[in-house]
Each structure stands twice: as C-alpha cells, then as structure tokens.
C-alpha cells in the first residue's frame, strides 16, 4: 500500500484500504485524517461512501470512548469549566403517536444545532458527543430536562446551557414546535418560544423558532 500510494497518492481505493489498515493497527487518528478526504473524490466513486461511513463510525466510537473516560474521572471535573455560551442541543421530545414523525426528534435538533453554530458567541457541541453522554447516563426521554441528570450532562459536556423542546404533528398536518433553554447546573429554564403552522411550511417554521429563540 505504501508503494502504491507513492505511485498514485490520490487514488480513492488505495487511500481507503490504507486507512483501513491504520484502523487495524490501532491508529484511528491517522485513519480519520485520510477518511476526511472523502469529499475530494467523485460522487460516483464507491470509495467516497465507504470512507464517509468509516469516518462517521470512527468519530462515534471516539466520542463514546472519551465519554466513558470522562465519567470515570467525573469526581475530578470542575463546574468552573462549564461555559454558559457552550450549548448542548438535546433531541426534541415527540408528543404524538404517529411513528412517521419520530425521526424529527433528532433531525430537527440537528437543524437547530447547525443554525445556532453560525452565531459567533456560541459553541455548539457535536450531536454524537451529546448522544454518547445521554446514552451513558440513560437520560430521561419523557421530560425535557431531567432534574437529576441535566447537571451531570452539563458538567461532562462542559455545557452551561441545554437546548431542547418538544413538537407534535396533528392528523391534518398541523405542526407545533416548542424550543427552550435551561441552565445545566440548576435546571432553571432560561427561555421558551414556540411556533406552529402547516407541515408545508416546515422549513420556514424551523427558521422562525430559531430566530425567536435567539431574540
């Protein structure tokens, strides 16, 4: 592989298998550097999708490994490191019963995260890192901010502000979204906004609730 890379350093197949070997030899950081190049390859190349898939998986595994290490040293972590401007956007709670709208829980929170990350004074945490912490502490999916686990999540993530909310979609396609923020250390609510309208206006409503939240 090393010889092949010298001859053709940009070949996607060679790079993919080189990174795969690095994984095998427990060098995930070096493999990630190579997988990160997947966007430089043509969309029709099968190795582009393979590299993206390995990149997502490796990032997830690293996030979960780092999270376990943080929990192991939780007693040594200081709340002084928690920043109010660091936001952890939790999955939204679906209040309805139609399973077709369940994926919006993570999808909508991801859209909110992307928008909030454009605000310079905010640091918005990666979704996979947040999910790793939520899985580790078995965060309650029945309440927006659990009184006992929110401070732990904030401390581990070093996030002073938790962003979450709920949503519902009626049978006639009426969409309602609530979005709020909480102090992670006290679980006290800092803000709460809502928007509603037709599912046909879904993307407009998503932007409207973000702007209302920022205001």
N, C-alpha and C. Protein backbone atom coordinates (compact mmCIF):
# COMPACT_ATOMS: atom_id res chain seq x y z
N UNK A 1 0.82 -1.21 0.00
CA UNK A 1 0.00 0.00 0.00
C UNK A 1 0.86 1.26 0.00
N UNK A 2 1.94 1.24 0.79
CA UNK A 2 2.82 2.40 0.83
C UNK A 2 3.43 2.66 -0.55
N UNK A 3 3.83 1.59 -1.23
CA UNK A 3 4.40 1.73 -2.57
C UNK A 3 3.35 2.23 -3.56
N UNK A 4 2.13 1.73 -3.40
CA UNK A 4 1.04 2.14 -4.30
C UNK A 4 0.71 3.62 -4.10
N UNK A 5 0.77 4.08 -2.84
CA UNK A 5 0.48 5.48 -2.55
C UNK A 5 1.54 6.41 -3.16
N UNK A 6 2.77 5.95 -3.20
CA UNK A 6 3.83 6.74 -3.82
C UNK A 6 3.55 6.92 -5.31
N UNK A 7 3.07 5.83 -5.94
CA UNK A 7 2.79 5.86 -7.38
C UNK A 7 1.52 6.65 -7.70
N UNK A 8 0.50 6.53 -6.82
CA UNK A 8 -0.79 7.18 -7.10
C UNK A 8 -1.41 7.65 -5.78
N UNK A 9 -0.91 8.76 -5.23
CA UNK A 9 -1.31 9.20 -3.89
C UNK A 9 -2.76 9.64 -3.76
N UNK A 10 -3.44 9.92 -4.87
CA UNK A 10 -4.82 10.39 -4.80
C UNK A 10 -5.85 9.32 -5.13
N UNK A 11 -5.42 8.11 -5.35
CA UNK A 11 -6.35 7.04 -5.71
C UNK A 11 -7.26 6.71 -4.52
N UNK A 12 -8.59 6.80 -4.68
CA UNK A 12 -9.50 6.58 -3.54
C UNK A 12 -9.46 5.17 -2.98
N UNK A 13 -9.29 4.17 -3.85
CA UNK A 13 -9.25 2.78 -3.37
C UNK A 13 -8.02 2.55 -2.50
N UNK A 14 -6.87 3.02 -2.97
CA UNK A 14 -5.63 2.85 -2.20
C UNK A 14 -5.74 3.56 -0.86
N UNK A 15 -6.26 4.78 -0.86
CA UNK A 15 -6.39 5.54 0.38
C UNK A 15 -7.35 4.87 1.35
N UNK A 16 -8.46 4.32 0.81
CA UNK A 16 -9.43 3.65 1.67
C UNK A 16 -8.80 2.46 2.39
N UNK A 17 -8.10 1.61 1.63
CA UNK A 17 -7.52 0.42 2.24
C UNK A 17 -6.33 0.76 3.13
N UNK A 18 -5.64 1.84 2.81
CA UNK A 18 -4.55 2.31 3.68
C UNK A 18 -5.12 2.73 5.03
N UNK A 19 -6.22 3.50 5.01
CA UNK A 19 -6.86 3.94 6.25
C UNK A 19 -7.41 2.76 7.04
N UNK A 20 -7.96 1.78 6.32
CA UNK A 20 -8.50 0.58 6.97
C UNK A 20 -7.39 -0.17 7.71
N UNK A 21 -6.21 -0.23 7.11
CA UNK A 21 -5.06 -0.86 7.76
C UNK A 21 -4.63 -0.08 8.99
N UNK A 22 -4.68 1.25 8.90
CA UNK A 22 -4.34 2.07 10.06
C UNK A 22 -5.28 1.79 11.21
N UNK A 23 -6.57 1.59 10.90
CA UNK A 23 -7.52 1.21 11.94
C UNK A 23 -7.12 -0.11 12.58
N UNK A 24 -6.74 -1.07 11.74
CA UNK A 24 -6.36 -2.40 12.22
C UNK A 24 -5.17 -2.31 13.17
N UNK A 25 -4.25 -1.39 12.88
CA UNK A 25 -3.07 -1.22 13.73
C UNK A 25 -3.30 -0.19 14.83
N UNK A 26 -4.59 0.07 15.12
CA UNK A 26 -4.99 0.95 16.23
C UNK A 26 -4.41 2.36 16.10
N UNK A 27 -4.55 2.91 14.91
CA UNK A 27 -4.15 4.29 14.66
C UNK A 27 -5.34 5.07 14.09
N UNK A 28 -6.40 5.21 14.90
CA UNK A 28 -7.64 5.82 14.40
C UNK A 28 -7.49 7.28 13.97
N UNK A 29 -6.63 8.04 14.67
CA UNK A 29 -6.47 9.45 14.32
C UNK A 29 -5.89 9.61 12.92
N UNK A 30 -4.91 8.76 12.58
CA UNK A 30 -4.33 8.81 11.25
C UNK A 30 -5.35 8.36 10.19
N UNK A 31 -6.16 7.36 10.55
CA UNK A 31 -7.19 6.88 9.62
C UNK A 31 -8.22 7.98 9.36
N UNK A 32 -8.60 8.70 10.42
CA UNK A 32 -9.59 9.78 10.28
C UNK A 32 -9.07 10.86 9.34
N UNK A 33 -7.79 11.18 9.42
CA UNK A 33 -7.22 12.19 8.52
C UNK A 33 -7.41 11.80 7.06
N UNK A 34 -7.25 10.51 6.78
CA UNK A 34 -7.42 10.04 5.40
C UNK A 34 -8.89 10.00 5.02
N UNK A 35 -9.73 9.48 5.90
CA UNK A 35 -11.16 9.42 5.61
C UNK A 35 -11.76 10.80 5.38
N UNK A 36 -11.20 11.81 6.04
CA UNK A 36 -11.70 13.17 5.89
C UNK A 36 -11.58 13.69 4.46
N UNK A 37 -10.78 13.01 3.66
CA UNK A 37 -10.58 13.43 2.27
C UNK A 37 -11.68 12.93 1.34
N UNK A 38 -12.69 12.25 1.91
CA UNK A 38 -13.71 11.62 1.05
C UNK A 38 -14.42 12.63 0.14
N UNK A 39 -14.55 13.88 0.60
CA UNK A 39 -15.27 14.88 -0.21
C UNK A 39 -14.50 15.28 -1.46
N UNK A 40 -13.21 14.94 -1.53
CA UNK A 40 -12.41 15.30 -2.70
C UNK A 40 -12.58 14.30 -3.84
N UNK A 41 -13.25 13.19 -3.55
CA UNK A 41 -13.42 12.16 -4.56
C UNK A 41 -14.76 12.29 -5.28
N UNK A 42 -14.85 11.83 -6.53
CA UNK A 42 -16.10 11.95 -7.30
C UNK A 42 -17.26 11.26 -6.59
N UNK A 43 -18.46 11.82 -6.72
CA UNK A 43 -19.63 11.26 -6.04
C UNK A 43 -19.96 9.85 -6.54
N UNK A 44 -19.55 9.52 -7.78
CA UNK A 44 -19.86 8.20 -8.32
C UNK A 44 -18.89 7.12 -7.82
N UNK A 45 -17.81 7.54 -7.15
CA UNK A 45 -16.85 6.57 -6.63
C UNK A 45 -17.42 5.84 -5.42
N UNK A 46 -17.42 4.50 -5.43
CA UNK A 46 -17.95 3.76 -4.27
C UNK A 46 -17.10 3.98 -3.02
N UNK A 47 -15.84 4.36 -3.20
CA UNK A 47 -14.97 4.55 -2.05
C UNK A 47 -15.27 5.84 -1.30
N UNK A 48 -15.92 6.77 -1.97
CA UNK A 48 -16.34 8.00 -1.28
C UNK A 48 -17.32 7.65 -0.17
N UNK A 49 -18.34 6.85 -0.48
CA UNK A 49 -19.33 6.45 0.52
C UNK A 49 -18.71 5.58 1.61
N UNK A 50 -17.80 4.68 1.20
CA UNK A 50 -17.16 3.81 2.18
C UNK A 50 -16.33 4.61 3.17
N UNK A 51 -15.60 5.59 2.66
CA UNK A 51 -14.76 6.41 3.54
C UNK A 51 -15.61 7.27 4.47
N UNK A 52 -16.71 7.82 3.95
CA UNK A 52 -17.59 8.62 4.78
C UNK A 52 -18.19 7.76 5.89
N UNK A 53 -18.58 6.55 5.54
CA UNK A 53 -19.16 5.64 6.53
C UNK A 53 -18.19 5.29 7.64
N UNK A 54 -16.93 4.99 7.27
CA UNK A 54 -15.92 4.69 8.28
C UNK A 54 -15.62 5.91 9.15
N UNK A 55 -15.63 7.10 8.53
CA UNK A 55 -15.38 8.34 9.27
C UNK A 55 -16.44 8.56 10.33
N UNK A 56 -17.71 8.39 9.95
CA UNK A 56 -18.81 8.56 10.89
C UNK A 56 -18.69 7.56 12.04
N UNK A 57 -18.38 6.31 11.69
CA UNK A 57 -18.29 5.26 12.71
C UNK A 57 -17.14 5.54 13.67
N UNK A 58 -15.97 5.93 13.13
CA UNK A 58 -14.82 6.20 13.98
C UNK A 58 -15.05 7.39 14.91
N UNK A 59 -15.66 8.44 14.36
CA UNK A 59 -15.96 9.61 15.19
C UNK A 59 -16.90 9.24 16.33
N UNK A 60 -17.87 8.39 16.02
CA UNK A 60 -18.82 7.94 17.04
C UNK A 60 -18.11 7.13 18.12
N UNK A 61 -17.26 6.19 17.69
CA UNK A 61 -16.55 5.35 18.65
C UNK A 61 -15.63 6.17 19.53
N UNK A 62 -14.96 7.16 18.95
CA UNK A 62 -14.07 8.01 19.74
C UNK A 62 -14.85 8.83 20.76
N UNK A 63 -16.02 9.33 20.33
CA UNK A 63 -16.85 10.11 21.24
C UNK A 63 -17.30 9.26 22.42
N UNK A 64 -17.69 8.03 22.17
CA UNK A 64 -18.15 7.15 23.24
C UNK A 64 -16.99 6.75 24.16
N UNK A 65 -15.81 6.53 23.57
CA UNK A 65 -14.64 6.18 24.39
C UNK A 65 -14.24 7.34 25.28
N UNK A 66 -14.21 8.55 24.72
CA UNK A 66 -13.86 9.74 25.50
C UNK A 66 -14.89 9.99 26.60
N UNK A 67 -16.16 9.74 26.28
CA UNK A 67 -17.22 9.95 27.27
C UNK A 67 -17.06 9.01 28.46
N UNK A 68 -16.75 7.75 28.19
CA UNK A 68 -16.54 6.78 29.27
C UNK A 68 -15.36 7.20 30.15
N UNK A 69 -14.32 7.75 29.52
CA UNK A 69 -13.16 8.21 30.29
C UNK A 69 -13.53 9.38 31.19
N UNK A 70 -14.35 10.30 30.66
CA UNK A 70 -14.78 11.45 31.45
C UNK A 70 -15.62 11.02 32.65
N UNK A 71 -16.50 10.04 32.43
CA UNK A 71 -17.33 9.57 33.54
C UNK A 71 -16.48 8.88 34.60
N UNK A 72 -15.40 8.22 34.15
CA UNK A 72 -14.52 7.55 35.10
C UNK A 72 -13.79 8.56 35.98
N UNK A 73 -13.59 9.78 35.47
CA UNK A 73 -12.90 10.82 36.23
C UNK A 73 -13.86 11.95 36.62
N UNK A 74 -15.15 11.62 36.69
CA UNK A 74 -16.18 12.64 36.93
C UNK A 74 -15.93 13.44 38.21
N UNK A 75 -15.46 12.78 39.25
CA UNK A 75 -15.25 13.47 40.53
C UNK A 75 -14.19 14.57 40.44
N UNK A 76 -13.28 14.43 39.46
CA UNK A 76 -12.21 15.41 39.32
C UNK A 76 -12.57 16.56 38.39
N UNK A 77 -13.75 16.46 37.75
CA UNK A 77 -14.16 17.53 36.84
C UNK A 77 -14.72 18.70 37.64
N UNK A 78 -14.46 19.89 37.17
CA UNK A 78 -14.90 21.08 37.89
C UNK A 78 -16.01 21.80 37.14
N UNK A 79 -17.00 22.28 37.88
CA UNK A 79 -18.08 23.05 37.27
C UNK A 79 -17.57 24.41 36.79
N UNK A 80 -16.36 24.78 37.23
CA UNK A 80 -15.77 26.04 36.79
C UNK A 80 -15.46 26.01 35.30
N UNK A 81 -15.32 24.81 34.75
CA UNK A 81 -15.02 24.66 33.32
C UNK A 81 -16.27 24.76 32.45
N UNK A 82 -17.44 24.79 33.08
CA UNK A 82 -18.71 24.84 32.35
C UNK A 82 -18.96 26.27 31.86
N UNK A 83 -19.23 26.40 30.56
CA UNK A 83 -19.43 27.72 29.97
C UNK A 83 -20.89 27.91 29.56
N UNK A 84 -21.47 29.07 29.93
CA UNK A 84 -22.85 29.37 29.56
C UNK A 84 -23.02 29.46 28.04
N UNK A 85 -21.96 29.86 27.33
CA UNK A 85 -22.03 30.02 25.88
C UNK A 85 -21.82 28.71 25.12
N UNK A 86 -21.57 27.63 25.87
CA UNK A 86 -21.47 26.31 25.24
C UNK A 86 -22.84 25.65 25.30
N UNK A 87 -23.40 25.36 24.13
CA UNK A 87 -24.76 24.83 24.05
C UNK A 87 -24.75 23.34 23.71
N UNK A 88 -25.55 22.59 24.42
CA UNK A 88 -25.79 21.18 24.11
C UNK A 88 -27.24 21.07 23.65
N UNK A 89 -27.45 20.82 22.38
CA UNK A 89 -28.81 20.72 21.83
C UNK A 89 -29.25 19.27 21.91
N UNK A 90 -30.18 19.00 22.83
CA UNK A 90 -30.68 17.65 23.05
C UNK A 90 -31.75 17.30 22.00
N UNK A 91 -31.97 16.01 21.75
CA UNK A 91 -33.09 15.61 20.87
C UNK A 91 -34.40 16.14 21.42
N UNK A 92 -35.30 16.55 20.52
CA UNK A 92 -36.60 17.05 20.94
C UNK A 92 -37.53 15.89 21.29
N UNK A 93 -38.50 16.17 22.14
CA UNK A 93 -39.46 15.15 22.57
C UNK A 93 -40.69 15.19 21.67
N UNK A 94 -41.02 14.06 21.08
CA UNK A 94 -42.21 13.97 20.24
C UNK A 94 -43.43 13.66 21.10
N UNK A 95 -44.46 14.49 21.03
CA UNK A 95 -45.65 14.33 21.86
C UNK A 95 -46.76 13.53 21.19
N UNK A 96 -46.57 13.17 19.93
CA UNK A 96 -47.62 12.47 19.19
C UNK A 96 -47.46 10.96 19.20
N UNK A 97 -48.22 10.29 18.34
CA UNK A 97 -48.21 8.82 18.29
C UNK A 97 -47.87 8.27 16.92
N UNK A 98 -47.80 9.11 15.90
CA UNK A 98 -47.50 8.65 14.54
C UNK A 98 -46.00 8.41 14.42
N UNK A 99 -45.61 7.13 14.22
CA UNK A 99 -44.18 6.78 14.19
C UNK A 99 -43.44 7.44 13.04
N UNK A 100 -44.16 7.88 12.01
CA UNK A 100 -43.50 8.51 10.87
C UNK A 100 -42.82 9.82 11.24
N UNK A 101 -43.25 10.43 12.35
CA UNK A 101 -42.68 11.72 12.75
C UNK A 101 -41.65 11.61 13.86
N UNK A 102 -41.39 10.38 14.33
CA UNK A 102 -40.39 10.17 15.39
C UNK A 102 -38.99 10.63 14.97
N UNK A 103 -38.52 10.35 13.73
CA UNK A 103 -37.17 10.77 13.34
C UNK A 103 -36.94 12.28 13.40
N UNK A 104 -38.02 13.06 13.40
CA UNK A 104 -37.85 14.51 13.51
C UNK A 104 -37.21 14.91 14.83
N UNK A 105 -37.28 14.04 15.84
CA UNK A 105 -36.70 14.34 17.14
C UNK A 105 -35.22 14.70 17.01
N UNK A 106 -34.48 13.86 16.31
CA UNK A 106 -33.05 14.11 16.11
C UNK A 106 -32.82 15.03 14.92
N UNK A 107 -33.62 14.87 13.89
CA UNK A 107 -33.45 15.68 12.69
C UNK A 107 -33.64 17.17 12.96
N UNK A 108 -34.70 17.50 13.70
CA UNK A 108 -34.98 18.91 13.99
C UNK A 108 -33.89 19.49 14.89
N UNK A 109 -33.46 18.73 15.90
CA UNK A 109 -32.42 19.23 16.80
C UNK A 109 -31.12 19.44 16.04
N UNK A 110 -30.84 18.60 15.04
CA UNK A 110 -29.63 18.78 14.24
C UNK A 110 -29.71 20.06 13.41
N UNK A 111 -30.89 20.35 12.85
CA UNK A 111 -31.08 21.59 12.09
C UNK A 111 -30.90 22.81 12.99
N UNK A 112 -31.43 22.72 14.21
CA UNK A 112 -31.28 23.82 15.17
C UNK A 112 -29.81 24.01 15.52
N UNK A 113 -29.09 22.90 15.72
CA UNK A 113 -27.67 22.96 16.05
C UNK A 113 -26.88 23.66 14.96
N UNK A 114 -27.16 23.30 13.71
CA UNK A 114 -26.45 23.90 12.58
C UNK A 114 -26.68 25.40 12.53
N UNK A 115 -27.93 25.82 12.76
CA UNK A 115 -28.23 27.26 12.74
C UNK A 115 -27.56 27.99 13.89
N UNK A 116 -27.63 27.43 15.09
CA UNK A 116 -27.05 28.10 16.26
C UNK A 116 -25.52 28.17 16.17
N UNK A 117 -24.92 27.19 15.48
CA UNK A 117 -23.46 27.18 15.36
C UNK A 117 -22.95 28.34 14.50
N UNK A 118 -23.85 28.99 13.76
CA UNK A 118 -23.45 30.15 12.95
C UNK A 118 -23.34 31.44 13.77
N UNK A 119 -23.80 31.38 15.02
CA UNK A 119 -23.71 32.53 15.91
C UNK A 119 -22.34 32.51 16.58
N UNK A 120 -21.57 33.54 16.38
CA UNK A 120 -20.16 33.54 16.78
C UNK A 120 -19.94 33.32 18.27
N UNK A 121 -20.82 33.88 19.10
CA UNK A 121 -20.57 33.78 20.54
C UNK A 121 -20.97 32.43 21.14
N UNK A 122 -21.55 31.56 20.33
CA UNK A 122 -21.93 30.24 20.82
C UNK A 122 -20.93 29.17 20.38
N UNK A 123 -20.76 28.19 21.24
CA UNK A 123 -20.06 26.96 20.86
C UNK A 123 -21.08 25.83 20.98
N UNK A 124 -21.45 25.26 19.85
CA UNK A 124 -22.47 24.21 19.83
C UNK A 124 -21.78 22.85 19.71
N UNK A 125 -22.09 21.97 20.65
CA UNK A 125 -21.42 20.67 20.70
C UNK A 125 -21.92 19.72 19.61
N UNK A 126 -21.05 18.80 19.20
CA UNK A 126 -21.40 17.84 18.17
C UNK A 126 -22.48 16.88 18.70
N UNK A 127 -23.39 16.51 17.80
CA UNK A 127 -24.51 15.66 18.19
C UNK A 127 -24.04 14.31 18.73
N UNK A 128 -23.02 13.71 18.09
CA UNK A 128 -22.59 12.38 18.50
C UNK A 128 -22.03 12.41 19.92
N UNK A 129 -21.38 13.52 20.30
CA UNK A 129 -20.83 13.63 21.65
C UNK A 129 -21.96 13.76 22.69
N UNK A 130 -22.98 14.53 22.32
CA UNK A 130 -24.13 14.68 23.22
C UNK A 130 -24.84 13.35 23.40
N UNK A 131 -25.04 12.62 22.30
CA UNK A 131 -25.73 11.35 22.37
C UNK A 131 -24.96 10.34 23.21
N UNK A 132 -23.63 10.39 23.13
CA UNK A 132 -22.80 9.48 23.93
C UNK A 132 -23.04 9.70 25.41
N UNK A 133 -23.13 10.96 25.81
CA UNK A 133 -23.37 11.29 27.22
C UNK A 133 -24.79 10.88 27.63
N UNK A 134 -25.76 11.16 26.77
CA UNK A 134 -27.14 10.81 27.09
C UNK A 134 -27.30 9.30 27.23
N UNK A 135 -26.62 8.55 26.38
CA UNK A 135 -26.70 7.09 26.47
C UNK A 135 -26.06 6.59 27.76
N UNK A 136 -24.95 7.24 28.14
CA UNK A 136 -24.21 6.79 29.33
C UNK A 136 -25.02 7.02 30.61
N UNK A 137 -25.75 8.12 30.68
CA UNK A 137 -26.50 8.41 31.91
C UNK A 137 -27.97 8.03 31.78
N UNK A 138 -28.31 7.42 30.60
CA UNK A 138 -29.69 6.99 30.35
C UNK A 138 -30.66 8.14 30.61
N UNK A 139 -30.36 9.25 29.94
CA UNK A 139 -31.14 10.49 30.11
C UNK A 139 -32.62 10.25 29.84
N UNK A 140 -33.46 10.81 30.66
CA UNK A 140 -34.91 10.62 30.54
C UNK A 140 -35.44 11.16 29.22
N UNK A 141 -36.17 10.33 28.49
CA UNK A 141 -36.78 10.76 27.24
C UNK A 141 -38.23 11.21 27.44
N UNK A 142 -38.65 11.25 28.70
CA UNK A 142 -40.03 11.63 28.97
C UNK A 142 -40.15 13.04 29.51
N UNK A 143 -39.03 13.68 29.75
CA UNK A 143 -39.06 15.06 30.22
C UNK A 143 -38.01 15.86 29.49
N UNK A 144 -38.26 17.15 29.36
CA UNK A 144 -37.34 18.00 28.60
C UNK A 144 -35.98 18.11 29.27
N UNK A 145 -35.97 18.37 30.57
CA UNK A 145 -34.72 18.46 31.31
C UNK A 145 -34.91 17.72 32.64
N UNK A 146 -34.22 16.62 32.78
CA UNK A 146 -34.32 15.82 33.99
C UNK A 146 -33.56 16.52 35.12
N UNK A 147 -34.22 16.70 36.26
CA UNK A 147 -33.66 17.47 37.38
C UNK A 147 -32.35 16.87 37.91
N UNK A 148 -32.22 15.54 37.82
CA UNK A 148 -31.04 14.91 38.41
C UNK A 148 -29.90 14.72 37.41
N UNK A 149 -30.23 14.48 36.15
CA UNK A 149 -29.18 14.15 35.18
C UNK A 149 -28.69 15.33 34.37
N UNK A 150 -29.49 16.41 34.26
CA UNK A 150 -29.06 17.57 33.47
C UNK A 150 -27.75 18.17 33.99
N UNK A 151 -27.59 18.38 35.32
CA UNK A 151 -26.32 18.90 35.80
C UNK A 151 -25.14 18.00 35.48
N UNK A 152 -25.34 16.68 35.56
CA UNK A 152 -24.25 15.75 35.22
C UNK A 152 -23.88 15.88 33.76
N UNK A 153 -24.90 15.94 32.88
CA UNK A 153 -24.64 16.06 31.45
C UNK A 153 -23.90 17.35 31.15
N UNK A 154 -24.32 18.44 31.78
CA UNK A 154 -23.67 19.72 31.57
C UNK A 154 -22.23 19.72 32.02
N UNK A 155 -21.97 19.07 33.16
CA UNK A 155 -20.62 19.01 33.70
C UNK A 155 -19.70 18.20 32.79
N UNK A 156 -20.17 17.05 32.33
CA UNK A 156 -19.37 16.19 31.46
C UNK A 156 -19.10 16.88 30.13
N UNK A 157 -20.13 17.52 29.58
CA UNK A 157 -20.01 18.17 28.28
C UNK A 157 -19.38 19.56 28.37
N UNK A 158 -19.25 20.08 29.60
CA UNK A 158 -18.79 21.46 29.84
C UNK A 158 -19.72 22.46 29.16
N UNK A 159 -21.01 22.12 29.15
CA UNK A 159 -22.03 22.97 28.54
C UNK A 159 -22.87 23.61 29.62
N UNK A 160 -22.90 24.93 29.66
CA UNK A 160 -23.68 25.63 30.66
C UNK A 160 -25.14 25.76 30.28
N UNK A 161 -25.44 25.57 28.99
CA UNK A 161 -26.81 25.73 28.52
C UNK A 161 -27.26 24.51 27.73
N UNK A 162 -28.40 23.99 28.13
CA UNK A 162 -29.02 22.87 27.41
C UNK A 162 -30.19 23.42 26.61
N UNK A 163 -30.24 23.04 25.35
CA UNK A 163 -31.33 23.44 24.47
C UNK A 163 -32.15 22.21 24.11
N UNK A 164 -33.46 22.31 24.30
CA UNK A 164 -34.33 21.18 23.98
C UNK A 164 -35.75 21.71 23.78
N UNK A 165 -36.68 20.81 23.63
CA UNK A 165 -38.06 21.22 23.42
C UNK A 165 -38.93 20.03 23.07
N UNK A 166 -40.10 20.32 22.53
CA UNK A 166 -40.97 19.23 22.09
C UNK A 166 -41.72 19.67 20.84
N UNK A 167 -42.37 18.72 20.21
CA UNK A 167 -43.12 19.01 18.99
C UNK A 167 -44.25 18.01 18.83
N UNK A 168 -45.19 18.37 17.97
CA UNK A 168 -46.31 17.48 17.67
C UNK A 168 -46.79 17.78 16.26
N UNK A 169 -47.36 16.77 15.63
CA UNK A 169 -47.95 16.92 14.29
C UNK A 169 -49.35 16.31 14.35
N UNK A 170 -50.36 17.11 14.05
CA UNK A 170 -51.74 16.62 14.11
C UNK A 170 -52.07 15.81 12.87
N UNK A 171 -53.22 15.14 12.89
CA UNK A 171 -53.64 14.31 11.77
C UNK A 171 -53.86 15.11 10.49
N UNK A 172 -54.21 16.36 10.64
CA UNK A 172 -54.42 17.20 9.45
C UNK A 172 -53.17 17.97 9.02
N UNK A 173 -51.99 17.54 9.56
CA UNK A 173 -50.73 18.12 9.11
C UNK A 173 -50.37 19.44 9.73
N UNK A 174 -50.86 19.70 10.95
CA UNK A 174 -50.54 20.94 11.65
C UNK A 174 -49.35 20.67 12.56
N UNK A 175 -48.31 21.47 12.43
CA UNK A 175 -47.05 21.25 13.13
C UNK A 175 -46.88 22.28 14.24
N UNK A 176 -46.53 21.82 15.45
CA UNK A 176 -46.29 22.71 16.58
C UNK A 176 -44.92 22.39 17.17
N UNK A 177 -44.11 23.42 17.36
CA UNK A 177 -42.77 23.22 17.90
C UNK A 177 -42.50 24.19 19.05
N UNK A 178 -42.00 23.67 20.17
CA UNK A 178 -41.56 24.47 21.31
C UNK A 178 -40.06 24.29 21.47
N UNK A 179 -39.36 25.38 21.74
CA UNK A 179 -37.91 25.30 21.92
C UNK A 179 -37.51 26.15 23.12
N UNK A 180 -36.71 25.57 24.00
CA UNK A 180 -36.30 26.29 25.20
C UNK A 180 -34.85 26.07 25.55
N UNK A 181 -34.37 26.79 26.55
CA UNK A 181 -33.01 26.60 27.04
C UNK A 181 -33.03 26.57 28.56
N UNK A 182 -32.09 25.82 29.14
CA UNK A 182 -32.01 25.66 30.59
C UNK A 182 -30.57 25.82 31.06
N UNK A 183 -30.42 26.32 32.26
CA UNK A 183 -29.13 26.32 32.93
C UNK A 183 -28.84 24.88 33.34
N UNK A 184 -27.75 24.32 32.82
CA UNK A 184 -27.49 22.90 33.06
C UNK A 184 -27.22 22.58 34.52
N UNK A 185 -26.75 23.56 35.29
CA UNK A 185 -26.39 23.29 36.68
C UNK A 185 -27.56 23.41 37.64
N UNK A 186 -28.55 24.21 37.28
CA UNK A 186 -29.70 24.41 38.17
C UNK A 186 -30.99 23.85 37.60
N UNK A 187 -30.99 23.52 36.30
CA UNK A 187 -32.18 23.07 35.57
C UNK A 187 -33.26 24.15 35.49
N UNK A 188 -32.88 25.39 35.80
CA UNK A 188 -33.82 26.51 35.69
C UNK A 188 -33.96 26.91 34.22
N UNK A 189 -35.22 27.12 33.79
CA UNK A 189 -35.47 27.49 32.40
C UNK A 189 -35.05 28.93 32.14
N UNK A 190 -34.34 29.14 31.04
CA UNK A 190 -33.85 30.47 30.68
C UNK A 190 -34.70 31.10 29.58
N UNK A 191 -35.25 30.27 28.71
CA UNK A 191 -36.07 30.81 27.60
C UNK A 191 -37.03 29.75 27.10
N UNK A 192 -38.09 30.21 26.43
CA UNK A 192 -39.11 29.29 25.89
C UNK A 192 -39.86 29.99 24.78
N UNK A 193 -39.82 29.42 23.57
CA UNK A 193 -40.52 30.02 22.43
C UNK A 193 -41.27 28.92 21.69
N UNK A 194 -42.25 29.31 20.89
CA UNK A 194 -42.99 28.31 20.12
C UNK A 194 -43.45 28.89 18.80
N UNK A 195 -43.60 27.99 17.83
CA UNK A 195 -44.12 28.32 16.52
C UNK A 195 -45.05 27.20 16.08
N UNK A 196 -46.00 27.53 15.23
CA UNK A 196 -46.91 26.50 14.73
C UNK A 196 -47.40 26.89 13.34
N UNK A 197 -47.82 25.87 12.59
CA UNK A 197 -48.33 26.11 11.25
C UNK A 197 -48.40 24.81 10.48
N UNK A 198 -48.65 24.90 9.18
CA UNK A 198 -48.78 23.72 8.33
C UNK A 198 -47.42 23.05 8.12
N UNK A 199 -47.43 21.72 7.99
CA UNK A 199 -46.21 20.99 7.69
C UNK A 199 -45.62 21.43 6.35
N UNK A 200 -46.46 22.00 5.48
CA UNK A 200 -45.96 22.51 4.20
C UNK A 200 -44.97 23.65 4.43
N UNK A 201 -45.06 24.31 5.60
CA UNK A 201 -44.17 25.42 5.94
C UNK A 201 -43.10 25.00 6.94
N UNK A 202 -42.79 23.70 6.95
CA UNK A 202 -41.89 23.13 7.95
C UNK A 202 -40.57 23.90 8.05
N UNK A 203 -39.91 24.14 6.92
CA UNK A 203 -38.59 24.77 6.96
C UNK A 203 -38.67 26.23 7.38
N UNK A 204 -39.75 26.90 7.00
CA UNK A 204 -39.94 28.29 7.46
C UNK A 204 -40.16 28.32 8.97
N UNK A 205 -40.96 27.37 9.47
CA UNK A 205 -41.22 27.30 10.91
C UNK A 205 -39.94 26.99 11.70
N UNK A 206 -39.10 26.14 11.13
CA UNK A 206 -37.85 25.80 11.79
C UNK A 206 -36.97 27.04 11.95
N UNK A 207 -36.87 27.83 10.90
CA UNK A 207 -36.07 29.06 10.97
C UNK A 207 -36.73 30.06 11.91
N UNK A 208 -38.05 30.14 11.88
CA UNK A 208 -38.78 31.11 12.71
C UNK A 208 -38.54 30.83 14.20
N UNK A 209 -38.56 29.55 14.59
CA UNK A 209 -38.38 29.23 16.00
C UNK A 209 -36.95 29.50 16.45
N UNK A 210 -35.99 29.30 15.54
CA UNK A 210 -34.58 29.59 15.87
C UNK A 210 -34.39 31.08 16.08
N UNK A 211 -34.95 31.92 15.18
CA UNK A 211 -34.81 33.37 15.32
C UNK A 211 -35.52 33.87 16.58
N UNK A 212 -36.68 33.28 16.89
CA UNK A 212 -37.39 33.66 18.12
C UNK A 212 -36.57 33.27 19.34
N UNK A 213 -35.95 32.12 19.27
CA UNK A 213 -35.09 31.63 20.36
C UNK A 213 -33.91 32.57 20.58
N UNK A 214 -33.25 32.98 19.49
CA UNK A 214 -32.11 33.89 19.60
C UNK A 214 -32.50 35.24 20.17
N UNK A 215 -33.67 35.72 19.76
CA UNK A 215 -34.16 37.01 20.25
C UNK A 215 -34.41 36.96 21.75
